[in-house]
Full PDB file with SEQRES, HELIX, SHEET, SSBOND, CRYST1, ORIGX, SCALE, CONECT and MASTER records, all heavy atoms in Angstrom:
SEQRES   1 A   43  GLU PHE ALA ARG ARG CYS LEU ASP ALA GLY TYR VAL LEU          
SEQRES   2 A   43  SER PHE ALA GLY THR VAL THR PHE LYS ASN ALA ARG GLY          
SEQRES   3 A   43  LEU HIS ASP ALA ALA ARG ILE SER PRO LEU GLY GLN PHE          
SEQRES   4 A   43  VAL VAL GLU THR                                              
HELIX    1 AA1 PHE A    2  ASP A    8  1                                   7    
HELIX    2 AA2 GLY A   17  THR A   20  5                                   4    
HELIX    3 AA3 ARG A   25  ILE A   33  1                                   9    
SHEET    1 AA1 2 LEU A  13  PHE A  15  0                                        
SHEET    2 AA1 2 PHE A  39  VAL A  41  1                                        
CRYST1    1.000    1.000    1.000  90.00  90.00  90.00 P 1           1          
ORIGX1      1.000000  0.000000  0.000000        0.00000                         
ORIGX2      0.000000  1.000000  0.000000        0.00000                         
ORIGX3      0.000000  0.000000  1.000000        0.00000                         
SCALE1      1.000000  0.000000  0.000000        0.00000                         
SCALE2      0.000000  1.000000  0.000000        0.00000                         
SCALE3      0.000000  0.000000  1.000000        0.00000                         
ATOM      1  N   GLU A   1      88.615 -41.231 -81.101  1.00  0.00           N  
ATOM      2  CA  GLU A   1      88.992 -42.626 -81.341  1.00  0.00           C  
ATOM      3  C   GLU A   1      88.102 -43.582 -80.556  1.00  0.00           C  
ATOM      4  O   GLU A   1      87.608 -44.581 -81.104  1.00  0.00           O  
ATOM      5  CB  GLU A   1      90.452 -42.841 -80.959  1.00  0.00           C  
ATOM      6  CG  GLU A   1      90.956 -44.260 -81.196  1.00  0.00           C  
ATOM      7  CD  GLU A   1      92.402 -44.450 -80.791  1.00  0.00           C  
ATOM      8  OE1 GLU A   1      93.060 -43.448 -80.426  1.00  0.00           O  
ATOM      9  OE2 GLU A   1      92.882 -45.603 -80.827  1.00  0.00           O  
ATOM     10  N   PHE A   2      87.871 -43.286 -79.262  1.00  0.00           N  
ATOM     11  CA  PHE A   2      87.014 -44.168 -78.479  1.00  0.00           C  
ATOM     12  C   PHE A   2      85.562 -44.055 -78.941  1.00  0.00           C  
ATOM     13  O   PHE A   2      84.823 -45.047 -78.955  1.00  0.00           O  
ATOM     14  CB  PHE A   2      87.121 -43.851 -76.985  1.00  0.00           C  
ATOM     15  CG  PHE A   2      86.364 -44.823 -76.119  1.00  0.00           C  
ATOM     16  CD1 PHE A   2      86.695 -46.172 -76.098  1.00  0.00           C  
ATOM     17  CD2 PHE A   2      85.299 -44.391 -75.333  1.00  0.00           C  
ATOM     18  CE1 PHE A   2      85.988 -47.081 -75.311  1.00  0.00           C  
ATOM     19  CE2 PHE A   2      84.593 -45.286 -74.545  1.00  0.00           C  
ATOM     20  CZ  PHE A   2      84.936 -46.635 -74.531  1.00  0.00           C  
ATOM     21  N   ALA A   3      85.152 -42.853 -79.336  1.00  0.00           N  
ATOM     22  CA  ALA A   3      83.804 -42.686 -79.878  1.00  0.00           C  
ATOM     23  C   ALA A   3      83.602 -43.584 -81.092  1.00  0.00           C  
ATOM     24  O   ALA A   3      82.554 -44.229 -81.233  1.00  0.00           O  
ATOM     25  CB  ALA A   3      83.564 -41.224 -80.255  1.00  0.00           C  
ATOM     26  N   ARG A   4      84.599 -43.655 -81.961  1.00  0.00           N  
ATOM     27  CA  ARG A   4      84.481 -44.503 -83.151  1.00  0.00           C  
ATOM     28  C   ARG A   4      84.317 -45.960 -82.766  1.00  0.00           C  
ATOM     29  O   ARG A   4      83.495 -46.676 -83.365  1.00  0.00           O  
ATOM     30  CB  ARG A   4      85.722 -44.313 -84.034  1.00  0.00           C  
ATOM     31  CG  ARG A   4      85.761 -45.212 -85.267  1.00  0.00           C  
ATOM     32  CD  ARG A   4      84.511 -45.043 -86.127  1.00  0.00           C  
ATOM     33  NE  ARG A   4      84.379 -43.688 -86.633  1.00  0.00           N  
ATOM     34  CZ  ARG A   4      83.238 -43.191 -87.097  1.00  0.00           C  
ATOM     35  NH1 ARG A   4      82.139 -43.939 -87.094  1.00  0.00           N  
ATOM     36  NH2 ARG A   4      83.202 -41.954 -87.553  1.00  0.00           N  
ATOM     37  N   ARG A   5      85.037 -46.430 -81.763  1.00  0.00           N  
ATOM     38  CA  ARG A   5      84.878 -47.808 -81.291  1.00  0.00           C  
ATOM     39  C   ARG A   5      83.445 -48.051 -80.815  1.00  0.00           C  
ATOM     40  O   ARG A   5      82.831 -49.077 -81.134  1.00  0.00           O  
ATOM     41  CB  ARG A   5      85.854 -48.107 -80.150  1.00  0.00           C  
ATOM     42  CG  ARG A   5      87.307 -48.222 -80.539  1.00  0.00           C  
ATOM     43  CD  ARG A   5      88.183 -48.428 -79.312  1.00  0.00           C  
ATOM     44  NE  ARG A   5      87.907 -49.710 -78.644  1.00  0.00           N  
ATOM     45  CZ  ARG A   5      88.374 -50.031 -77.443  1.00  0.00           C  
ATOM     46  NH1 ARG A   5      89.132 -49.152 -76.765  1.00  0.00           N  
ATOM     47  NH2 ARG A   5      88.100 -51.201 -76.910  1.00  0.00           N  
ATOM     48  N   CYS A   6      82.928 -47.114 -80.041  1.00  0.00           N  
ATOM     49  CA  CYS A   6      81.567 -47.261 -79.506  1.00  0.00           C  
ATOM     50  C   CYS A   6      80.527 -47.206 -80.621  1.00  0.00           C  
ATOM     51  O   CYS A   6      79.597 -48.022 -80.664  1.00  0.00           O  
ATOM     52  CB  CYS A   6      81.290 -46.166 -78.480  1.00  0.00           C  
ATOM     53  SG  CYS A   6      82.266 -46.282 -76.969  1.00  0.00           S  
ATOM     54  N   LEU A   7      80.685 -46.270 -81.519  1.00  0.00           N  
ATOM     55  CA  LEU A   7      79.719 -46.118 -82.611  1.00  0.00           C  
ATOM     56  C   LEU A   7      79.729 -47.343 -83.517  1.00  0.00           C  
ATOM     57  O   LEU A   7      78.672 -47.827 -83.943  1.00  0.00           O  
ATOM     58  CB  LEU A   7      80.037 -44.853 -83.408  1.00  0.00           C  
ATOM     59  CG  LEU A   7      79.862 -43.533 -82.650  1.00  0.00           C  
ATOM     60  CD1 LEU A   7      80.511 -42.388 -83.426  1.00  0.00           C  
ATOM     61  CD2 LEU A   7      78.394 -43.238 -82.384  1.00  0.00           C  
ATOM     62  N   ASP A   8      80.923 -47.864 -83.809  1.00  0.00           N  
ATOM     63  CA  ASP A   8      81.026 -49.053 -84.655  1.00  0.00           C  
ATOM     64  C   ASP A   8      80.370 -50.264 -83.997  1.00  0.00           C  
ATOM     65  O   ASP A   8      79.873 -51.165 -84.684  1.00  0.00           O  
ATOM     66  CB  ASP A   8      82.487 -49.359 -84.971  1.00  0.00           C  
ATOM     67  CG  ASP A   8      83.091 -48.379 -85.956  1.00  0.00           C  
ATOM     68  OD1 ASP A   8      82.331 -47.590 -86.565  1.00  0.00           O  
ATOM     69  OD2 ASP A   8      84.332 -48.375 -86.111  1.00  0.00           O  
ATOM     70  N   ALA A   9      80.356 -50.285 -82.660  1.00  0.00           N  
ATOM     71  CA  ALA A   9      79.714 -51.377 -81.927  1.00  0.00           C  
ATOM     72  C   ALA A   9      78.206 -51.193 -81.829  1.00  0.00           C  
ATOM     73  O   ALA A   9      77.503 -52.082 -81.324  1.00  0.00           O  
ATOM     74  CB  ALA A   9      80.304 -51.487 -80.524  1.00  0.00           C  
ATOM     75  N   GLY A  10      77.701 -50.039 -82.289  1.00  0.00           N  
ATOM     76  CA  GLY A  10      76.265 -49.783 -82.264  1.00  0.00           C  
ATOM     77  C   GLY A  10      75.781 -49.098 -81.006  1.00  0.00           C  
ATOM     78  O   GLY A  10      74.574 -48.983 -80.788  1.00  0.00           O  
ATOM     79  N   TYR A  11      76.700 -48.633 -80.177  1.00  0.00           N  
ATOM     80  CA  TYR A  11      76.316 -47.980 -78.932  1.00  0.00           C  
ATOM     81  C   TYR A  11      75.903 -46.532 -79.198  1.00  0.00           C  
ATOM     82  O   TYR A  11      76.271 -45.936 -80.212  1.00  0.00           O  
ATOM     83  CB  TYR A  11      77.457 -48.024 -77.918  1.00  0.00           C  
ATOM     84  CG  TYR A  11      77.958 -49.413 -77.610  1.00  0.00           C  
ATOM     85  CD1 TYR A  11      79.289 -49.630 -77.257  1.00  0.00           C  
ATOM     86  CD2 TYR A  11      77.112 -50.524 -77.681  1.00  0.00           C  
ATOM     87  CE1 TYR A  11      79.760 -50.904 -76.973  1.00  0.00           C  
ATOM     88  CE2 TYR A  11      77.578 -51.808 -77.399  1.00  0.00           C  
ATOM     89  CZ  TYR A  11      78.907 -51.990 -77.051  1.00  0.00           C  
ATOM     90  OH  TYR A  11      79.374 -53.243 -76.774  1.00  0.00           O  
ATOM     91  N   VAL A  12      75.136 -45.985 -78.261  1.00  0.00           N  
ATOM     92  CA  VAL A  12      74.649 -44.608 -78.345  1.00  0.00           C  
ATOM     93  C   VAL A  12      75.455 -43.747 -77.377  1.00  0.00           C  
ATOM     94  O   VAL A  12      75.657 -44.136 -76.221  1.00  0.00           O  
ATOM     95  CB  VAL A  12      73.141 -44.545 -78.010  1.00  0.00           C  
ATOM     96  CG1 VAL A  12      72.647 -43.097 -77.969  1.00  0.00           C  
ATOM     97  CG2 VAL A  12      72.339 -45.356 -79.023  1.00  0.00           C  
ATOM     98  N   LEU A  13      75.897 -42.588 -77.832  1.00  0.00           N  
ATOM     99  CA  LEU A  13      76.638 -41.670 -76.987  1.00  0.00           C  
ATOM    100  C   LEU A  13      75.690 -40.606 -76.436  1.00  0.00           C  
ATOM    101  O   LEU A  13      74.812 -40.129 -77.155  1.00  0.00           O  
ATOM    102  CB  LEU A  13      77.762 -40.998 -77.769  1.00  0.00           C  
ATOM    103  CG  LEU A  13      78.683 -41.912 -78.584  1.00  0.00           C  
ATOM    104  CD1 LEU A  13      79.828 -41.103 -79.182  1.00  0.00           C  
ATOM    105  CD2 LEU A  13      79.213 -43.053 -77.727  1.00  0.00           C  
ATOM    106  N   SER A  14      75.874 -40.248 -75.172  1.00  0.00           N  
ATOM    107  CA  SER A  14      75.069 -39.201 -74.552  1.00  0.00           C  
ATOM    108  C   SER A  14      75.990 -38.059 -74.165  1.00  0.00           C  
ATOM    109  O   SER A  14      76.901 -38.224 -73.350  1.00  0.00           O  
ATOM    110  CB  SER A  14      74.347 -39.748 -73.314  1.00  0.00           C  
ATOM    111  OG  SER A  14      73.471 -38.776 -72.775  1.00  0.00           O  
ATOM    112  N   PHE A  15      75.753 -36.892 -74.765  1.00  0.00           N  
ATOM    113  CA  PHE A  15      76.614 -35.734 -74.534  1.00  0.00           C  
ATOM    114  C   PHE A  15      75.995 -34.827 -73.478  1.00  0.00           C  
ATOM    115  O   PHE A  15      74.841 -34.405 -73.583  1.00  0.00           O  
ATOM    116  CB  PHE A  15      76.846 -34.965 -75.826  1.00  0.00           C  
ATOM    117  CG  PHE A  15      77.668 -35.725 -76.825  1.00  0.00           C  
ATOM    118  CD1 PHE A  15      77.090 -36.241 -77.979  1.00  0.00           C  
ATOM    119  CD2 PHE A  15      79.014 -35.955 -76.596  1.00  0.00           C  
ATOM    120  CE1 PHE A  15      77.845 -36.956 -78.897  1.00  0.00           C  
ATOM    121  CE2 PHE A  15      79.784 -36.673 -77.508  1.00  0.00           C  
ATOM    122  CZ  PHE A  15      79.197 -37.179 -78.660  1.00  0.00           C  
ATOM    123  N   ALA A  16      76.793 -34.532 -72.445  1.00  0.00           N  
ATOM    124  CA  ALA A  16      76.388 -33.639 -71.364  1.00  0.00           C  
ATOM    125  C   ALA A  16      76.989 -32.257 -71.589  1.00  0.00           C  
ATOM    126  O   ALA A  16      77.611 -31.987 -72.623  1.00  0.00           O  
ATOM    127  CB  ALA A  16      76.827 -34.219 -70.028  1.00  0.00           C  
ATOM    128  N   GLY A  17      76.850 -31.390 -70.582  1.00  0.00           N  
ATOM    129  CA  GLY A  17      77.376 -30.036 -70.701  1.00  0.00           C  
ATOM    130  C   GLY A  17      78.865 -29.975 -70.914  1.00  0.00           C  
ATOM    131  O   GLY A  17      79.389 -28.962 -71.405  1.00  0.00           O  
ATOM    132  N   THR A  18      79.589 -31.046 -70.578  1.00  0.00           N  
ATOM    133  CA  THR A  18      81.036 -31.078 -70.786  1.00  0.00           C  
ATOM    134  C   THR A  18      81.424 -30.866 -72.244  1.00  0.00           C  
ATOM    135  O   THR A  18      82.521 -30.369 -72.521  1.00  0.00           O  
ATOM    136  CB  THR A  18      81.607 -32.419 -70.292  1.00  0.00           C  
ATOM    137  OG1 THR A  18      80.766 -33.490 -70.749  1.00  0.00           O  
ATOM    138  CG2 THR A  18      81.665 -32.470 -68.772  1.00  0.00           C  
ATOM    139  N   VAL A  19      80.552 -31.237 -73.171  1.00  0.00           N  
ATOM    140  CA  VAL A  19      80.908 -31.074 -74.586  1.00  0.00           C  
ATOM    141  C   VAL A  19      80.986 -29.601 -74.962  1.00  0.00           C  
ATOM    142  O   VAL A  19      81.615 -29.246 -75.967  1.00  0.00           O  
ATOM    143  CB  VAL A  19      79.900 -31.827 -75.488  1.00  0.00           C  
ATOM    144  CG1 VAL A  19      78.577 -31.072 -75.618  1.00  0.00           C  
ATOM    145  CG2 VAL A  19      80.478 -32.094 -76.866  1.00  0.00           C  
ATOM    146  N   THR A  20      80.388 -28.717 -74.150  1.00  0.00           N  
ATOM    147  CA  THR A  20      80.423 -27.283 -74.447  1.00  0.00           C  
ATOM    148  C   THR A  20      81.663 -26.595 -73.892  1.00  0.00           C  
ATOM    149  O   THR A  20      81.887 -25.418 -74.185  1.00  0.00           O  
ATOM    150  CB  THR A  20      79.189 -26.566 -73.856  1.00  0.00           C  
ATOM    151  OG1 THR A  20      79.306 -26.500 -72.421  1.00  0.00           O  
ATOM    152  CG2 THR A  20      77.899 -27.257 -74.228  1.00  0.00           C  
ATOM    153  N   PHE A  21      82.463 -27.326 -73.106  1.00  0.00           N  
ATOM    154  CA  PHE A  21      83.644 -26.707 -72.501  1.00  0.00           C  
ATOM    155  C   PHE A  21      84.717 -26.471 -73.574  1.00  0.00           C  
ATOM    156  O   PHE A  21      84.975 -27.348 -74.414  1.00  0.00           O  
ATOM    157  CB  PHE A  21      84.212 -27.578 -71.381  1.00  0.00           C  
ATOM    158  CG  PHE A  21      83.270 -27.807 -70.218  1.00  0.00           C  
ATOM    159  CD1 PHE A  21      83.582 -28.740 -69.243  1.00  0.00           C  
ATOM    160  CD2 PHE A  21      82.080 -27.096 -70.095  1.00  0.00           C  
ATOM    161  CE1 PHE A  21      82.732 -28.950 -68.168  1.00  0.00           C  
ATOM    162  CE2 PHE A  21      81.216 -27.298 -69.027  1.00  0.00           C  
ATOM    163  CZ  PHE A  21      81.543 -28.231 -68.053  1.00  0.00           C  
ATOM    164  N   LYS A  22      85.342 -25.338 -73.536  1.00  0.00           N  
ATOM    165  CA  LYS A  22      86.272 -24.941 -74.600  1.00  0.00           C  
ATOM    166  C   LYS A  22      87.468 -25.877 -74.722  1.00  0.00           C  
ATOM    167  O   LYS A  22      88.008 -26.057 -75.817  1.00  0.00           O  
ATOM    168  CB  LYS A  22      86.734 -23.508 -74.363  1.00  0.00           C  
ATOM    169  CG  LYS A  22      85.628 -22.468 -74.533  1.00  0.00           C  
ATOM    170  CD  LYS A  22      86.136 -21.057 -74.300  1.00  0.00           C  
ATOM    171  CE  LYS A  22      85.031 -20.034 -74.486  1.00  0.00           C  
ATOM    172  NZ  LYS A  22      85.505 -18.655 -74.246  1.00  0.00           N  
ATOM    173  N   ASN A  23      87.907 -26.455 -73.602  1.00  0.00           N  
ATOM    174  CA  ASN A  23      89.107 -27.300 -73.639  1.00  0.00           C  
ATOM    175  C   ASN A  23      88.793 -28.768 -73.899  1.00  0.00           C  
ATOM    176  O   ASN A  23      89.687 -29.607 -73.849  1.00  0.00           O  
ATOM    177  CB  ASN A  23      89.887 -27.163 -72.331  1.00  0.00           C  
ATOM    178  CG  ASN A  23      89.069 -27.597 -71.112  1.00  0.00           C  
ATOM    179  OD1 ASN A  23      87.871 -27.804 -71.225  1.00  0.00           O  
ATOM    180  ND2 ASN A  23      89.719 -27.711 -69.965  1.00  0.00           N  
ATOM    181  N   ALA A  24      87.539 -29.098 -74.188  1.00  0.00           N  
ATOM    182  CA  ALA A  24      87.131 -30.496 -74.358  1.00  0.00           C  
ATOM    183  C   ALA A  24      87.289 -30.926 -75.814  1.00  0.00           C  
ATOM    184  O   ALA A  24      86.322 -31.352 -76.472  1.00  0.00           O  
ATOM    185  CB  ALA A  24      85.689 -30.686 -73.884  1.00  0.00           C  
ATOM    186  N   ARG A  25      88.510 -30.868 -76.328  1.00  0.00           N  
ATOM    187  CA  ARG A  25      88.724 -31.119 -77.759  1.00  0.00           C  
ATOM    188  C   ARG A  25      88.382 -32.558 -78.150  1.00  0.00           C  
ATOM    189  O   ARG A  25      87.854 -32.804 -79.236  1.00  0.00           O  
ATOM    190  CB  ARG A  25      90.173 -30.788 -78.118  1.00  0.00           C  
ATOM    191  CG  ARG A  25      90.503 -29.316 -77.978  1.00  0.00           C  
ATOM    192  CD  ARG A  25      91.923 -28.997 -78.414  1.00  0.00           C  
ATOM    193  NE  ARG A  25      92.231 -27.594 -78.274  1.00  0.00           N  
ATOM    194  CZ  ARG A  25      92.667 -27.017 -77.148  1.00  0.00           C  
ATOM    195  NH1 ARG A  25      92.872 -27.780 -76.070  1.00  0.00           N  
ATOM    196  NH2 ARG A  25      92.920 -25.724 -77.097  1.00  0.00           N  
ATOM    197  N   GLY A  26      88.700 -33.520 -77.272  1.00  0.00           N  
ATOM    198  CA  GLY A  26      88.348 -34.895 -77.579  1.00  0.00           C  
ATOM    199  C   GLY A  26      86.854 -35.097 -77.699  1.00  0.00           C  
ATOM    200  O   GLY A  26      86.372 -35.814 -78.598  1.00  0.00           O  
ATOM    201  N   LEU A  27      86.093 -34.466 -76.813  1.00  0.00           N  
ATOM    202  CA  LEU A  27      84.634 -34.550 -76.884  1.00  0.00           C  
ATOM    203  C   LEU A  27      84.105 -33.852 -78.130  1.00  0.00           C  
ATOM    204  O   LEU A  27      83.139 -34.324 -78.748  1.00  0.00           O  
ATOM    205  CB  LEU A  27      84.009 -33.911 -75.642  1.00  0.00           C  
ATOM    206  CG  LEU A  27      83.935 -34.760 -74.381  1.00  0.00           C  
ATOM    207  CD1 LEU A  27      83.311 -33.960 -73.245  1.00  0.00           C  
ATOM    208  CD2 LEU A  27      83.127 -36.030 -74.634  1.00  0.00           C  
ATOM    209  N   HIS A  28      84.719 -32.748 -78.493  1.00  0.00           N  
ATOM    210  CA  HIS A  28      84.307 -32.060 -79.722  1.00  0.00           C  
ATOM    211  C   HIS A  28      84.473 -32.992 -80.927  1.00  0.00           C  
ATOM    212  O   HIS A  28      83.585 -33.075 -81.793  1.00  0.00           O  
ATOM    213  CB  HIS A  28      85.119 -30.788 -79.930  1.00  0.00           C  
ATOM    214  CG  HIS A  28      84.966 -29.789 -78.825  1.00  0.00           C  
ATOM    215  ND1 HIS A  28      85.839 -28.738 -78.637  1.00  0.00           N  
ATOM    216  CD2 HIS A  28      84.037 -29.685 -77.835  1.00  0.00           C  
ATOM    217  CE1 HIS A  28      85.450 -28.017 -77.594  1.00  0.00           C  
ATOM    218  NE2 HIS A  28      84.360 -28.573 -77.085  1.00  0.00           N  
ATOM    219  N   ASP A  29      85.602 -33.682 -80.978  1.00  0.00           N  
ATOM    220  CA  ASP A  29      85.826 -34.631 -82.068  1.00  0.00           C  
ATOM    221  C   ASP A  29      84.769 -35.730 -82.060  1.00  0.00           C  
ATOM    222  O   ASP A  29      84.240 -36.116 -83.108  1.00  0.00           O  
ATOM    223  CB  ASP A  29      87.216 -35.264 -81.945  1.00  0.00           C  
ATOM    224  CG  ASP A  29      88.345 -34.279 -82.189  1.00  0.00           C  
ATOM    225  OD1 ASP A  29      88.091 -33.212 -82.791  1.00  0.00           O  
ATOM    226  OD2 ASP A  29      89.484 -34.573 -81.779  1.00  0.00           O  
ATOM    227  N   ALA A  30      84.467 -36.250 -80.857  1.00  0.00           N  
ATOM    228  CA  ALA A  30      83.466 -37.314 -80.743  1.00  0.00           C  
ATOM    229  C   ALA A  30      82.102 -36.837 -81.225  1.00  0.00           C  
ATOM    230  O   ALA A  30      81.386 -37.555 -81.937  1.00  0.00           O  
ATOM    231  CB  ALA A  30      83.381 -37.792 -79.293  1.00  0.00           C  
ATOM    232  N   ALA A  31      81.744 -35.615 -80.853  1.00  0.00           N  
ATOM    233  CA  ALA A  31      80.433 -35.084 -81.244  1.00  0.00           C  
ATOM    234  C   ALA A  31      80.351 -34.846 -82.747  1.00  0.00           C  
ATOM    235  O   ALA A  31      79.297 -35.044 -83.360  1.00  0.00           O  
ATOM    236  CB  ALA A  31      80.153 -33.798 -80.487  1.00  0.00           C  
ATOM    237  N   ARG A  32      81.450 -34.431 -83.338  1.00  0.00           N  
ATOM    238  CA  ARG A  32      81.434 -34.167 -84.781  1.00  0.00           C  
ATOM    239  C   ARG A  32      81.236 -35.435 -85.597  1.00  0.00           C  
ATOM    240  O   ARG A  32      80.599 -35.416 -86.659  1.00  0.00           O  
ATOM    241  CB  ARG A  32      82.736 -33.481 -85.203  1.00  0.00           C  
ATOM    242  CG  ARG A  32      82.862 -32.032 -84.778  1.00  0.00           C  
ATOM    243  CD  ARG A  32      84.068 -31.384 -85.442  1.00  0.00           C  
ATOM    244  NE  ARG A  32      84.290 -30.013 -84.993  1.00  0.00           N  
ATOM    245  CZ  ARG A  32      85.168 -29.667 -84.054  1.00  0.00           C  
ATOM    246  NH1 ARG A  32      85.935 -30.604 -83.487  1.00  0.00           N  
ATOM    247  NH2 ARG A  32      85.306 -28.408 -83.691  1.00  0.00           N  
ATOM    248  N   ILE A  33      81.821 -36.565 -85.136  1.00  0.00           N  
ATOM    249  CA  ILE A  33      81.766 -37.780 -85.952  1.00  0.00           C  
ATOM    250  C   ILE A  33      80.545 -38.656 -85.652  1.00  0.00           C  
ATOM    251  O   ILE A  33      80.308 -39.628 -86.365  1.00  0.00           O  
ATOM    252  CB  ILE A  33      83.041 -38.630 -85.787  1.00  0.00           C  
ATOM    253  CG1 ILE A  33      83.125 -39.230 -84.372  1.00  0.00           C  
ATOM    254  CG2 ILE A  33      84.283 -37.817 -86.123  1.00  0.00           C  
ATOM    255  CD1 ILE A  33      84.221 -40.261 -84.227  1.00  0.00           C  
ATOM    256  N   SER A  34      79.761 -38.299 -84.631  1.00  0.00           N  
ATOM    257  CA  SER A  34      78.619 -39.142 -84.270  1.00  0.00           C  
ATOM    258  C   SER A  34      77.472 -38.917 -85.240  1.00  0.00           C  
ATOM    259  O   SER A  34      77.014 -37.782 -85.420  1.00  0.00           O  
ATOM    260  CB  SER A  34      78.155 -38.815 -82.852  1.00  0.00           C  
ATOM    261  OG  SER A  34      79.168 -39.094 -81.909  1.00  0.00           O  
ATOM    262  N   PRO A  35      76.979 -39.969 -85.871  1.00  0.00           N  
ATOM    263  CA  PRO A  35      75.880 -39.800 -86.819  1.00  0.00           C  
ATOM    264  C   PRO A  35      74.587 -39.417 -86.118  1.00  0.00           C  
ATOM    265  O   PRO A  35      74.344 -39.827 -84.971  1.00  0.00           O  
ATOM    266  CB  PRO A  35      75.744 -41.187 -87.471  1.00  0.00           C  
ATOM    267  CG  PRO A  35      76.830 -42.027 -86.938  1.00  0.00           C  
ATOM    268  CD  PRO A  35      77.412 -41.360 -85.747  1.00  0.00           C  
ATOM    269  N   LEU A  36      73.765 -38.636 -86.800  1.00  0.00           N  
ATOM    270  CA  LEU A  36      72.420 -38.399 -86.292  1.00  0.00           C  
ATOM    271  C   LEU A  36      71.745 -39.752 -86.088  1.00  0.00           C  
ATOM    272  O   LEU A  36      71.837 -40.640 -86.934  1.00  0.00           O  
ATOM    273  CB  LEU A  36      71.614 -37.560 -87.283  1.00  0.00           C  
ATOM    274  CG  LEU A  36      72.091 -36.118 -87.512  1.00  0.00           C  
ATOM    275  CD1 LEU A  36      71.247 -35.458 -88.592  1.00  0.00           C  
ATOM    276  CD2 LEU A  36      72.040 -35.302 -86.231  1.00  0.00           C  
ATOM    277  N   GLY A  37      71.096 -39.914 -84.966  1.00  0.00           N  
ATOM    278  CA  GLY A  37      70.478 -41.193 -84.658  1.00  0.00           C  
ATOM    279  C   GLY A  37      71.310 -42.051 -83.727  1.00  0.00           C  
ATOM    280  O   GLY A  37      70.853 -43.096 -83.264  1.00  0.00           O  
ATOM    281  N   GLN A  38      72.536 -41.594 -83.418  1.00  0.00           N  
ATOM    282  CA  GLN A  38      73.386 -42.389 -82.534  1.00  0.00           C  
ATOM    283  C   GLN A  38      73.920 -41.570 -81.358  1.00  0.00           C  
ATOM    284  O   GLN A  38      74.874 -41.979 -80.711  1.00  0.00           O  
ATOM    285  CB  GLN A  38      74.541 -43.037 -83.312  1.00  0.00           C  
ATOM    286  CG  GLN A  38      74.894 -44.425 -82.779  1.00  0.00           C  
ATOM    287  CD  GLN A  38      75.827 -45.202 -83.700  1.00  0.00           C  
ATOM    288  OE1 GLN A  38      75.928 -44.925 -84.903  1.00  0.00           O  
ATOM    289  NE2 GLN A  38      76.516 -46.182 -83.147  1.00  0.00           N  
ATOM    290  N   PHE A  39      73.273 -40.445 -81.083  1.00  0.00           N  
ATOM    291  CA  PHE A  39      73.624 -39.712 -79.870  1.00  0.00           C  
ATOM    292  C   PHE A  39      72.388 -39.004 -79.317  1.00  0.00           C  
ATOM    293  O   PHE A  39      71.444 -38.683 -80.048  1.00  0.00           O  
ATOM    294  CB  PHE A  39      74.762 -38.721 -80.106  1.00  0.00           C  
ATOM    295  CG  PHE A  39      74.448 -37.562 -81.013  1.00  0.00           C  
ATOM    296  CD1 PHE A  39      73.969 -36.361 -80.502  1.00  0.00           C  
ATOM    297  CD2 PHE A  39      74.659 -37.656 -82.387  1.00  0.00           C  
ATOM    298  CE1 PHE A  39      73.695 -35.289 -81.330  1.00  0.00           C  
ATOM    299  CE2 PHE A  39      74.393 -36.592 -83.231  1.00  0.00           C  
ATOM    300  CZ  PHE A  39      73.905 -35.397 -82.696  1.00  0.00           C  
ATOM    301  N   VAL A  40      72.427 -38.829 -77.997  1.00  0.00           N  
ATOM    302  CA  VAL A  40      71.387 -38.095 -77.290  1.00  0.00           C  
ATOM    303  C   VAL A  40      72.072 -37.008 -76.469  1.00  0.00           C  
ATOM    304  O   VAL A  40      73.296 -36.892 -76.450  1.00  0.00           O  
ATOM    305  CB  VAL A  40      70.541 -39.014 -76.384  1.00  0.00           C  
ATOM    306  CG1 VAL A  40      69.709 -39.984 -77.225  1.00  0.00           C  
ATOM    307  CG2 VAL A  40      71.412 -39.775 -75.391  1.00  0.00           C  
ATOM    308  N   VAL A  41      71.266 -36.208 -75.782  1.00  0.00           N  
ATOM    309  CA  VAL A  41      71.780 -35.100 -74.987  1.00  0.00           C  
ATOM    310  C   VAL A  41      71.230 -35.209 -73.575  1.00  0.00           C  
ATOM    311  O   VAL A  41      70.086 -35.604 -73.371  1.00  0.00           O  
ATOM    312  CB  VAL A  41      71.398 -33.745 -75.624  1.00  0.00           C  
ATOM    313  CG1 VAL A  41      71.901 -32.585 -74.772  1.00  0.00           C  
ATOM    314  CG2 VAL A  41      71.975 -33.633 -77.025  1.00  0.00           C  
ATOM    315  N   GLU A  42      72.049 -34.862 -72.611  1.00  0.00           N  
ATOM    316  CA  GLU A  42      71.665 -34.950 -71.204  1.00  0.00           C  
ATOM    317  C   GLU A  42      72.221 -33.762 -70.437  1.00  0.00           C  
ATOM    318  O   GLU A  42      73.084 -33.034 -70.941  1.00  0.00           O  
ATOM    319  CB  GLU A  42      72.202 -36.236 -70.584  1.00  0.00           C  
ATOM    320  CG  GLU A  42      73.730 -36.294 -70.576  1.00  0.00           C  
ATOM    321  CD  GLU A  42      74.286 -37.429 -69.737  1.00  0.00           C  
ATOM    322  OE1 GLU A  42      74.462 -38.544 -70.284  1.00  0.00           O  
ATOM    323  OE2 GLU A  42      74.553 -37.190 -68.546  1.00  0.00           O  
ATOM    324  N   THR A  43      71.745 -33.605 -69.193  1.00  0.00           N  
ATOM    325  CA  THR A  43      72.333 -32.590 -68.314  1.00  0.00           C  
ATOM    326  C   THR A  43      73.231 -33.207 -67.247  1.00  0.00           C  
ATOM    327  O   THR A  43      74.206 -32.594 -66.831  1.00  0.00           O  
ATOM    328  CB  THR A  43      71.256 -31.766 -67.591  1.00  0.00           C  
ATOM    329  OG1 THR A  43      70.379 -32.646 -66.888  1.00  0.00           O  
ATOM    330  CG2 THR A  43      70.500 -30.889 -68.564  1.00  0.00           C  
TER     331      THR A  43                                                      
MASTER        0    0    0    3    2    0    0    6  330    1    0    4          
END                                                                             
């Protein structure tokens, strides 16, 4: 839900290693809905 707010505003999301954690369901949802071109990856 918060990812959608950020994406609709034109912001870029940066996904760290936390997105790989098994219990990070909210982050998994955010990563699935982020369009190519609107997210980067970091450590």
